[in-house]
Amino acid sequence: MTQATGYRGSCFCGTVEFSLTGDPEAMAYCHCASCRHWSAGQVNAFTLWQPERFKITRGAENIASFDKLSAANNLPGTSARKWCKTCGGHVFIEHPTMGVVDVPAAIIKGFSFVPGFHVHYQETVHPMQDGLPKFKDLPAEAGGSGEKLPE
């Protein structure tokens, strides 16, 4: 899947632009309530990238950030969600405890989204029968239980 030139994307209005190089670490669907609420959808299609493969190329000064866990509990954050201050379009999520940047698959131009699994499937409001593994929370490699649920 690697494209020598990489990928590009932007917020809804184009004020914030980014580039990606190489391949993502993972591509999957998240069913947790937090991602559903943030994405305003029943399922969130995400891609995870090593931070050095993601670069803001324009509009960095126009990015706002919010970490729900940190704000609610005065704790170190786990998911800093980033968006454009002009249009409100989502751009990326920093997951510092996992060491990855999460970029919504839908905003990467020319990208072929090929999901490998589902996470937080116990919270699903939109069951999907696609033959992919359905993790109750997260795969063990990502700090979860690794427990799989039936379709």
N, C-alpha and C. Protein backbone atom coordinates (compact mmCIF):
# COMPACT_ATOMS: atom_id res chain seq x y z
N MET A 1 0.81 -1.19 0.00
CA MET A 1 0.00 0.00 0.00
C MET A 1 0.86 1.26 0.00
N THR A 2 2.14 1.16 0.29
CA THR A 2 2.97 2.36 0.39
C THR A 2 2.97 3.13 -0.92
N GLN A 3 2.79 4.42 -0.82
CA GLN A 3 2.87 5.34 -1.95
C GLN A 3 4.15 6.13 -1.75
N ALA A 4 5.05 6.12 -2.74
CA ALA A 4 6.33 6.82 -2.59
C ALA A 4 6.12 8.28 -2.22
N THR A 5 5.09 8.89 -2.75
CA THR A 5 4.85 10.31 -2.49
C THR A 5 4.04 10.54 -1.23
N GLY A 6 3.45 9.51 -0.67
CA GLY A 6 2.65 9.65 0.54
C GLY A 6 1.24 10.13 0.27
N TYR A 7 0.64 10.65 1.30
CA TYR A 7 -0.75 11.09 1.23
C TYR A 7 -0.86 12.52 1.76
N ARG A 8 -1.96 13.17 1.41
CA ARG A 8 -2.24 14.52 1.88
C ARG A 8 -3.69 14.56 2.34
N GLY A 9 -3.98 15.53 3.16
CA GLY A 9 -5.35 15.71 3.62
C GLY A 9 -5.51 17.08 4.23
N SER A 10 -6.74 17.39 4.61
CA SER A 10 -7.01 18.71 5.20
C SER A 10 -8.29 18.68 6.00
N CYS A 11 -8.50 19.78 6.72
CA CYS A 11 -9.77 19.98 7.41
C CYS A 11 -10.84 20.26 6.34
N PHE A 12 -12.03 20.52 6.78
CA PHE A 12 -13.16 20.75 5.88
C PHE A 12 -12.97 21.96 4.96
N CYS A 13 -12.43 23.07 5.49
CA CYS A 13 -12.27 24.29 4.68
C CYS A 13 -10.91 24.37 3.99
N GLY A 14 -9.96 23.52 4.36
CA GLY A 14 -8.65 23.53 3.75
C GLY A 14 -7.63 24.43 4.41
N THR A 15 -7.99 25.10 5.49
CA THR A 15 -7.05 25.97 6.19
C THR A 15 -5.91 25.17 6.81
N VAL A 16 -6.23 24.00 7.36
CA VAL A 16 -5.21 23.12 7.94
C VAL A 16 -4.98 21.97 6.97
N GLU A 17 -3.72 21.79 6.59
CA GLU A 17 -3.34 20.69 5.71
C GLU A 17 -2.26 19.84 6.37
N PHE A 18 -2.21 18.57 5.98
CA PHE A 18 -1.21 17.67 6.53
C PHE A 18 -0.71 16.71 5.46
N SER A 19 0.41 16.06 5.75
CA SER A 19 0.93 15.01 4.88
C SER A 19 1.23 13.78 5.72
N LEU A 20 1.17 12.62 5.08
CA LEU A 20 1.47 11.34 5.70
C LEU A 20 2.43 10.59 4.79
N THR A 21 3.37 9.87 5.36
CA THR A 21 4.29 9.08 4.56
C THR A 21 4.24 7.63 5.02
N GLY A 22 4.49 6.74 4.09
CA GLY A 22 4.53 5.32 4.41
C GLY A 22 3.15 4.74 4.64
N ASP A 23 3.11 3.73 5.47
CA ASP A 23 1.87 3.02 5.78
C ASP A 23 1.43 3.29 7.21
N PRO A 24 0.13 3.23 7.46
CA PRO A 24 -0.34 3.36 8.84
C PRO A 24 0.04 2.11 9.65
N GLU A 25 0.09 2.27 10.95
CA GLU A 25 0.34 1.14 11.85
C GLU A 25 -0.88 0.23 11.90
N ALA A 26 -2.06 0.83 11.78
CA ALA A 26 -3.32 0.07 11.81
C ALA A 26 -4.42 0.88 11.18
N MET A 27 -5.42 0.16 10.70
CA MET A 27 -6.65 0.76 10.18
C MET A 27 -7.78 -0.08 10.75
N ALA A 28 -8.77 0.56 11.35
CA ALA A 28 -9.84 -0.19 11.97
C ALA A 28 -11.06 0.70 12.21
N TYR A 29 -12.07 0.08 12.80
CA TYR A 29 -13.29 0.79 13.19
C TYR A 29 -13.36 0.86 14.70
N CYS A 30 -13.76 2.02 15.24
CA CYS A 30 -13.99 2.15 16.68
C CYS A 30 -15.48 2.36 16.92
N HIS A 31 -15.99 1.65 17.92
CA HIS A 31 -17.41 1.72 18.26
C HIS A 31 -17.66 2.38 19.60
N CYS A 32 -16.63 2.94 20.25
CA CYS A 32 -16.82 3.50 21.59
C CYS A 32 -17.69 4.76 21.53
N ALA A 33 -18.35 5.03 22.64
CA ALA A 33 -19.25 6.19 22.70
C ALA A 33 -18.50 7.50 22.47
N SER A 34 -17.28 7.59 22.97
CA SER A 34 -16.50 8.81 22.79
C SER A 34 -16.21 9.08 21.32
N CYS A 35 -15.75 8.09 20.59
CA CYS A 35 -15.47 8.26 19.16
C CYS A 35 -16.75 8.51 18.36
N ARG A 36 -17.82 7.82 18.73
CA ARG A 36 -19.09 8.05 18.03
C ARG A 36 -19.55 9.48 18.23
N HIS A 37 -19.45 9.97 19.45
CA HIS A 37 -19.88 11.34 19.74
C HIS A 37 -19.00 12.34 18.99
N TRP A 38 -17.68 12.15 19.05
CA TRP A 38 -16.74 13.05 18.39
C TRP A 38 -16.95 13.06 16.87
N SER A 39 -17.12 11.88 16.28
CA SER A 39 -17.24 11.80 14.82
C SER A 39 -18.65 12.05 14.31
N ALA A 40 -19.61 12.10 15.23
CA ALA A 40 -21.02 12.27 14.87
C ALA A 40 -21.50 11.16 13.93
N GLY A 41 -21.00 9.96 14.19
CA GLY A 41 -21.38 8.80 13.38
C GLY A 41 -21.54 7.57 14.25
N GLN A 42 -22.16 6.54 13.70
CA GLN A 42 -22.38 5.31 14.46
C GLN A 42 -21.10 4.50 14.62
N VAL A 43 -20.14 4.71 13.71
CA VAL A 43 -18.87 4.00 13.72
C VAL A 43 -17.80 4.98 13.26
N ASN A 44 -16.59 4.88 13.83
CA ASN A 44 -15.50 5.76 13.44
C ASN A 44 -14.41 4.96 12.73
N ALA A 45 -14.13 5.30 11.48
CA ALA A 45 -13.06 4.66 10.71
C ALA A 45 -11.77 5.42 10.98
N PHE A 46 -10.78 4.75 11.60
CA PHE A 46 -9.55 5.44 11.97
C PHE A 46 -8.31 4.80 11.36
N THR A 47 -7.27 5.61 11.27
CA THR A 47 -5.95 5.13 10.85
C THR A 47 -4.95 5.61 11.88
N LEU A 48 -4.00 4.77 12.25
CA LEU A 48 -2.98 5.12 13.23
C LEU A 48 -1.62 5.19 12.57
N TRP A 49 -0.90 6.28 12.84
CA TRP A 49 0.39 6.54 12.21
C TRP A 49 1.45 6.84 13.26
N GLN A 50 2.68 6.47 12.97
CA GLN A 50 3.79 6.90 13.81
C GLN A 50 3.89 8.42 13.69
N PRO A 51 4.14 9.13 14.78
CA PRO A 51 4.16 10.60 14.74
C PRO A 51 5.12 11.18 13.70
N GLU A 52 6.23 10.54 13.44
CA GLU A 52 7.18 11.06 12.45
C GLU A 52 6.68 10.92 11.01
N ARG A 53 5.61 10.17 10.80
CA ARG A 53 5.02 10.00 9.46
C ARG A 53 3.90 11.00 9.19
N PHE A 54 3.56 11.79 10.19
CA PHE A 54 2.48 12.78 10.10
C PHE A 54 3.08 14.17 10.26
N LYS A 55 2.70 15.07 9.37
CA LYS A 55 3.23 16.44 9.46
C LYS A 55 2.16 17.44 9.07
N ILE A 56 1.97 18.46 9.90
CA ILE A 56 1.09 19.57 9.53
C ILE A 56 1.89 20.43 8.55
N THR A 57 1.36 20.65 7.37
CA THR A 57 2.07 21.40 6.34
C THR A 57 1.55 22.82 6.17
N ARG A 58 0.38 23.09 6.70
CA ARG A 58 -0.18 24.44 6.63
C ARG A 58 -1.24 24.60 7.72
N GLY A 59 -1.27 25.78 8.33
CA GLY A 59 -2.33 26.12 9.27
C GLY A 59 -2.16 25.62 10.69
N ALA A 60 -0.95 25.28 11.10
CA ALA A 60 -0.74 24.75 12.46
C ALA A 60 -1.27 25.71 13.53
N GLU A 61 -1.16 27.01 13.27
CA GLU A 61 -1.63 28.00 14.24
C GLU A 61 -3.16 28.03 14.35
N ASN A 62 -3.83 27.33 13.44
CA ASN A 62 -5.29 27.33 13.41
C ASN A 62 -5.88 26.04 14.00
N ILE A 63 -5.05 25.28 14.70
CA ILE A 63 -5.52 24.02 15.28
C ILE A 63 -5.87 24.22 16.75
N ALA A 64 -7.07 23.77 17.11
CA ALA A 64 -7.51 23.77 18.51
C ALA A 64 -7.45 22.33 19.02
N SER A 65 -7.48 22.18 20.35
CA SER A 65 -7.32 20.86 20.93
C SER A 65 -8.19 20.70 22.17
N PHE A 66 -8.64 19.47 22.41
CA PHE A 66 -9.40 19.16 23.62
C PHE A 66 -9.18 17.70 23.98
N ASP A 67 -8.91 17.45 25.27
CA ASP A 67 -8.77 16.10 25.78
C ASP A 67 -9.81 15.92 26.89
N LYS A 68 -10.85 15.17 26.61
CA LYS A 68 -11.98 15.02 27.52
C LYS A 68 -11.57 14.45 28.88
N LEU A 69 -10.73 13.42 28.89
CA LEU A 69 -10.32 12.81 30.15
C LEU A 69 -9.52 13.79 30.98
N SER A 70 -8.59 14.46 30.35
CA SER A 70 -7.75 15.43 31.06
C SER A 70 -8.60 16.57 31.62
N ALA A 71 -9.51 17.08 30.82
CA ALA A 71 -10.36 18.20 31.25
C ALA A 71 -11.30 17.81 32.38
N ALA A 72 -11.83 16.60 32.32
CA ALA A 72 -12.82 16.17 33.31
C ALA A 72 -12.19 15.75 34.63
N ASN A 73 -10.97 15.22 34.58
CA ASN A 73 -10.38 14.64 35.78
C ASN A 73 -9.06 15.25 36.20
N ASN A 74 -8.62 16.26 35.49
CA ASN A 74 -7.33 16.88 35.78
C ASN A 74 -6.22 15.83 35.81
N LEU A 75 -6.27 14.91 34.85
CA LEU A 75 -5.29 13.83 34.72
C LEU A 75 -4.53 13.99 33.41
N PRO A 76 -3.40 13.31 33.28
CA PRO A 76 -2.71 13.33 31.99
C PRO A 76 -3.65 12.80 30.91
N GLY A 77 -3.59 13.39 29.75
CA GLY A 77 -4.50 13.02 28.68
C GLY A 77 -4.17 11.72 27.98
N THR A 78 -5.18 11.16 27.34
CA THR A 78 -5.00 9.94 26.56
C THR A 78 -5.38 10.15 25.10
N SER A 79 -6.20 11.14 24.81
CA SER A 79 -6.66 11.38 23.45
C SER A 79 -6.93 12.87 23.25
N ALA A 80 -5.94 13.57 22.72
CA ALA A 80 -6.10 15.00 22.45
C ALA A 80 -6.65 15.17 21.04
N ARG A 81 -7.92 15.52 20.95
CA ARG A 81 -8.60 15.67 19.65
C ARG A 81 -8.31 17.05 19.10
N LYS A 82 -7.96 17.11 17.80
CA LYS A 82 -7.53 18.35 17.15
C LYS A 82 -8.45 18.67 15.98
N TRP A 83 -8.78 19.97 15.85
CA TRP A 83 -9.67 20.41 14.78
C TRP A 83 -9.27 21.81 14.33
N CYS A 84 -9.83 22.21 13.20
CA CYS A 84 -9.59 23.54 12.63
C CYS A 84 -10.47 24.55 13.34
N LYS A 85 -9.88 25.67 13.78
CA LYS A 85 -10.63 26.73 14.46
C LYS A 85 -11.59 27.46 13.52
N THR A 86 -11.31 27.42 12.22
CA THR A 86 -12.17 28.13 11.26
C THR A 86 -13.44 27.36 10.94
N CYS A 87 -13.29 26.09 10.54
CA CYS A 87 -14.46 25.33 10.08
C CYS A 87 -14.92 24.27 11.07
N GLY A 88 -14.10 23.97 12.06
CA GLY A 88 -14.46 22.92 13.02
C GLY A 88 -14.16 21.53 12.51
N GLY A 89 -13.61 21.43 11.30
CA GLY A 89 -13.31 20.13 10.71
C GLY A 89 -12.24 19.39 11.49
N HIS A 90 -12.48 18.11 11.72
CA HIS A 90 -11.53 17.29 12.45
C HIS A 90 -10.27 17.07 11.63
N VAL A 91 -9.12 17.03 12.30
CA VAL A 91 -7.85 16.84 11.60
C VAL A 91 -7.13 15.60 12.11
N PHE A 92 -6.95 15.47 13.42
CA PHE A 92 -6.26 14.29 13.95
C PHE A 92 -6.48 14.21 15.45
N ILE A 93 -6.03 13.09 16.02
CA ILE A 93 -6.08 12.87 17.46
C ILE A 93 -4.71 12.37 17.89
N GLU A 94 -4.14 13.00 18.90
CA GLU A 94 -2.89 12.51 19.46
C GLU A 94 -3.24 11.52 20.57
N HIS A 95 -2.61 10.34 20.53
CA HIS A 95 -2.76 9.33 21.57
C HIS A 95 -1.39 9.14 22.22
N PRO A 96 -0.99 10.04 23.13
CA PRO A 96 0.37 9.98 23.68
C PRO A 96 0.70 8.69 24.42
N THR A 97 -0.28 8.08 25.08
CA THR A 97 0.00 6.85 25.82
C THR A 97 0.25 5.68 24.87
N MET A 98 -0.25 5.76 23.65
CA MET A 98 -0.02 4.70 22.66
C MET A 98 1.10 5.08 21.68
N GLY A 99 1.51 6.36 21.68
CA GLY A 99 2.59 6.78 20.80
C GLY A 99 2.22 6.83 19.33
N VAL A 100 0.94 7.13 19.03
CA VAL A 100 0.48 7.22 17.65
C VAL A 100 -0.38 8.45 17.43
N VAL A 101 -0.53 8.79 16.16
CA VAL A 101 -1.43 9.86 15.73
C VAL A 101 -2.56 9.18 14.96
N ASP A 102 -3.77 9.53 15.30
CA ASP A 102 -4.98 8.95 14.72
C ASP A 102 -5.54 9.96 13.72
N VAL A 103 -5.61 9.57 12.46
CA VAL A 103 -6.15 10.44 11.41
C VAL A 103 -7.41 9.80 10.86
N PRO A 104 -8.53 10.52 10.85
CA PRO A 104 -9.76 9.95 10.29
C PRO A 104 -9.54 9.54 8.84
N ALA A 105 -9.88 8.31 8.52
CA ALA A 105 -9.66 7.78 7.17
C ALA A 105 -10.34 8.65 6.09
N ALA A 106 -11.49 9.21 6.42
CA ALA A 106 -12.27 9.95 5.43
C ALA A 106 -11.61 11.23 4.94
N ILE A 107 -10.65 11.77 5.68
CA ILE A 107 -10.06 13.05 5.26
C ILE A 107 -8.70 12.89 4.59
N ILE A 108 -8.26 11.65 4.34
CA ILE A 108 -6.99 11.40 3.66
C ILE A 108 -7.29 11.22 2.18
N LYS A 109 -6.82 12.15 1.36
CA LYS A 109 -7.11 12.13 -0.08
C LYS A 109 -6.44 10.94 -0.76
N GLY A 110 -7.24 10.21 -1.55
CA GLY A 110 -6.71 9.10 -2.34
C GLY A 110 -6.29 7.89 -1.53
N PHE A 111 -6.69 7.81 -0.29
CA PHE A 111 -6.28 6.73 0.59
C PHE A 111 -7.26 5.57 0.49
N SER A 112 -6.76 4.35 0.42
CA SER A 112 -7.60 3.16 0.40
C SER A 112 -7.69 2.60 1.82
N PHE A 113 -8.81 2.79 2.44
CA PHE A 113 -9.04 2.32 3.80
C PHE A 113 -9.36 0.83 3.77
N VAL A 114 -8.51 0.04 4.40
CA VAL A 114 -8.70 -1.40 4.48
C VAL A 114 -8.63 -1.78 5.96
N PRO A 115 -9.78 -1.79 6.64
CA PRO A 115 -9.77 -2.06 8.08
C PRO A 115 -9.35 -3.48 8.40
N GLY A 116 -8.68 -3.64 9.55
CA GLY A 116 -8.23 -4.95 9.97
C GLY A 116 -9.03 -5.54 11.12
N PHE A 117 -9.77 -4.70 11.87
CA PHE A 117 -10.49 -5.17 13.04
C PHE A 117 -11.42 -4.06 13.55
N HIS A 118 -12.17 -4.39 14.58
CA HIS A 118 -13.06 -3.44 15.27
C HIS A 118 -12.61 -3.36 16.72
N VAL A 119 -12.69 -2.15 17.34
CA VAL A 119 -12.36 -2.00 18.76
C VAL A 119 -13.58 -1.46 19.51
N HIS A 120 -13.61 -1.73 20.79
CA HIS A 120 -14.70 -1.33 21.69
C HIS A 120 -16.06 -1.79 21.14
N TYR A 121 -16.06 -3.02 20.63
CA TYR A 121 -17.28 -3.54 20.01
C TYR A 121 -18.40 -3.78 21.01
N GLN A 122 -18.08 -3.90 22.30
CA GLN A 122 -19.13 -4.08 23.31
C GLN A 122 -20.04 -2.86 23.38
N GLU A 123 -19.58 -1.71 22.83
CA GLU A 123 -20.37 -0.48 22.86
C GLU A 123 -21.11 -0.22 21.53
N THR A 124 -21.02 -1.15 20.61
CA THR A 124 -21.57 -0.87 19.28
C THR A 124 -23.07 -0.56 19.30
N VAL A 125 -23.45 0.37 18.45
CA VAL A 125 -24.86 0.65 18.19
C VAL A 125 -25.18 0.32 16.73
N HIS A 126 -24.15 -0.16 16.04
CA HIS A 126 -24.27 -0.49 14.62
C HIS A 126 -23.50 -1.78 14.34
N PRO A 127 -24.10 -2.93 14.68
CA PRO A 127 -23.41 -4.20 14.45
C PRO A 127 -23.04 -4.37 12.97
N MET A 128 -21.85 -4.91 12.74
CA MET A 128 -21.36 -5.09 11.37
C MET A 128 -20.89 -6.53 11.19
N GLN A 129 -21.43 -7.20 10.19
CA GLN A 129 -21.00 -8.56 9.89
C GLN A 129 -20.08 -8.51 8.69
N ASP A 130 -18.79 -8.38 8.95
CA ASP A 130 -17.82 -8.25 7.87
C ASP A 130 -16.67 -9.25 7.97
N GLY A 131 -16.75 -10.16 8.95
CA GLY A 131 -15.72 -11.17 9.11
C GLY A 131 -14.46 -10.70 9.82
N LEU A 132 -14.39 -9.43 10.19
CA LEU A 132 -13.21 -8.90 10.87
C LEU A 132 -13.30 -9.19 12.37
N PRO A 133 -12.15 -9.33 13.04
CA PRO A 133 -12.16 -9.53 14.49
C PRO A 133 -12.84 -8.35 15.20
N LYS A 134 -13.63 -8.68 16.21
CA LYS A 134 -14.36 -7.68 16.99
C LYS A 134 -13.82 -7.74 18.43
N PHE A 135 -13.01 -6.76 18.81
CA PHE A 135 -12.43 -6.74 20.15
C PHE A 135 -13.39 -6.08 21.13
N LYS A 136 -13.55 -6.69 22.30
CA LYS A 136 -14.39 -6.12 23.34
C LYS A 136 -13.91 -4.71 23.67
N ASP A 137 -12.61 -4.55 23.83
CA ASP A 137 -12.02 -3.24 24.08
C ASP A 137 -10.92 -3.01 23.04
N LEU A 138 -9.68 -3.33 23.37
CA LEU A 138 -8.56 -3.17 22.43
C LEU A 138 -7.78 -4.47 22.31
N PRO A 139 -7.03 -4.63 21.23
CA PRO A 139 -6.13 -5.78 21.16
C PRO A 139 -5.11 -5.71 22.30
N ALA A 140 -4.63 -6.85 22.74
CA ALA A 140 -3.67 -6.90 23.84
C ALA A 140 -2.43 -6.06 23.54
N GLU A 141 -1.99 -6.02 22.28
CA GLU A 141 -0.81 -5.25 21.89
C GLU A 141 -1.00 -3.75 22.11
N ALA A 142 -2.25 -3.32 22.17
CA ALA A 142 -2.56 -1.90 22.37
C ALA A 142 -2.98 -1.61 23.81
N GLY A 143 -2.79 -2.57 24.70
CA GLY A 143 -3.11 -2.36 26.09
C GLY A 143 -4.48 -2.81 26.52
N GLY A 144 -5.21 -3.49 25.62
CA GLY A 144 -6.54 -3.97 25.95
C GLY A 144 -6.52 -5.41 26.45
N SER A 145 -7.69 -5.96 26.63
CA SER A 145 -7.80 -7.34 27.11
C SER A 145 -7.50 -8.34 25.99
N GLY A 146 -7.69 -7.92 24.76
CA GLY A 146 -7.52 -8.83 23.63
C GLY A 146 -8.72 -9.74 23.43
N GLU A 147 -9.73 -9.61 24.30
CA GLU A 147 -10.92 -10.46 24.21
C GLU A 147 -11.72 -10.11 22.95
N LYS A 148 -12.07 -11.16 22.20
CA LYS A 148 -12.86 -10.97 20.98
C LYS A 148 -14.32 -11.34 21.24
N LEU A 149 -15.19 -10.62 20.56
CA LEU A 149 -16.63 -10.87 20.66
C LEU A 149 -17.14 -11.47 19.35
N PRO A 150 -18.22 -12.24 19.42
CA PRO A 150 -18.78 -12.80 18.18
C PRO A 150 -19.47 -11.73 17.34
N GLU A 151 -19.55 -12.00 16.04
CA GLU A 151 -20.29 -11.07 15.16
C GLU A 151 -21.75 -11.14 15.53
